[in-house]
Amino acid sequence: MNWDQVEGKWKEMTGNIKAQWGDLTDDEVTEINGNRQALEGKIQAKYGKSKEEAQREVDDFLNRY
């Protein structure tokens, strides 16, 4: 799956997003609204990850779906 597909199916993917990154609130997931950079930024802020780590986690997520 590529990010364009995630964006198109954002509402369907929110459960998977919350399962992967459980510290993200419903409001934050809604606010991200399919924006990859916003998701990476929230991962960095919530989990104290570097930009590269957040990008890698999102890439790994995409590879699973």
Protein backbone atom coordinates (compact mmCIF):
# COMPACT_ATOMS: atom_id res chain seq x y z
CA MET A 1 0.00 0.00 0.00
CA ASN A 2 1.23 3.50 -0.72
CA TRP A 3 0.40 6.68 1.15
CA ASP A 4 -2.09 7.86 -1.49
CA GLN A 5 -4.15 4.76 -0.75
CA VAL A 6 -3.95 5.45 2.99
CA GLU A 7 -5.13 9.01 2.41
CA GLY A 8 -8.04 7.80 0.33
CA LYS A 9 -9.05 5.28 2.99
CA TRP A 10 -8.16 7.37 6.04
CA LYS A 11 -11.42 6.75 7.91
CA GLU A 12 -11.03 3.00 7.35
CA MET A 13 -7.37 3.09 8.40
CA THR A 14 -7.84 4.99 11.66
CA GLY A 15 -8.34 1.77 13.62
CA ASN A 16 -5.04 0.43 12.30
CA ILE A 17 -3.34 3.74 13.02
CA LYS A 18 -4.62 3.74 16.62
CA ALA A 19 -3.63 0.08 17.04
CA GLN A 20 -0.09 0.88 15.90
CA TRP A 21 0.26 4.16 17.82
CA GLY A 22 -2.08 3.78 20.76
CA ASP A 23 -1.04 7.01 22.46
CA LEU A 24 -2.61 9.06 19.67
CA THR A 25 -6.02 10.36 20.66
CA ASP A 26 -9.09 10.20 18.44
CA ASP A 27 -8.87 13.97 18.02
CA GLU A 28 -5.24 13.77 16.91
CA VAL A 29 -5.99 11.04 14.38
CA THR A 30 -8.88 13.12 13.06
CA GLU A 31 -6.63 16.19 12.90
CA ILE A 32 -3.96 14.27 10.93
CA ASN A 33 -6.64 13.50 8.32
CA GLY A 34 -4.37 11.40 6.12
CA ASN A 35 -1.41 13.80 6.12
CA ARG A 36 1.74 11.71 6.40
CA GLN A 37 3.91 14.55 7.68
CA ALA A 38 1.36 15.34 10.38
CA LEU A 39 1.33 11.67 11.43
CA GLU A 40 5.11 11.58 11.58
CA GLY A 41 5.13 14.79 13.62
CA LYS A 42 2.62 13.38 16.12
CA ILE A 43 4.69 10.19 16.44
CA GLN A 44 7.79 12.29 17.12
CA ALA A 45 6.00 14.36 19.76
CA LYS A 46 4.17 11.52 21.52
CA TYR A 47 6.94 8.94 21.49
CA GLY A 48 10.08 11.10 21.54
CA LYS A 49 11.30 9.66 18.24
CA SER A 50 13.60 11.31 15.74
CA LYS A 51 12.25 12.33 12.36
CA GLU A 52 14.00 9.38 10.75
CA GLU A 53 12.58 6.92 13.29
CA ALA A 54 9.06 8.23 12.73
CA GLN A 55 9.47 7.97 8.96
CA ARG A 56 10.75 4.40 9.31
CA GLU A 57 7.79 3.43 11.51
CA VAL A 58 5.33 4.85 8.98
CA ASP A 59 7.16 3.02 6.16
CA ASP A 60 6.96 -0.23 8.16
CA PHE A 61 3.25 0.39 8.74
CA LEU A 62 2.69 0.87 5.00
CA ASN A 63 4.56 -2.33 4.19
CA ARG A 64 2.22 -4.32 6.47
CA TYR A 65 -0.93 -3.00 4.79
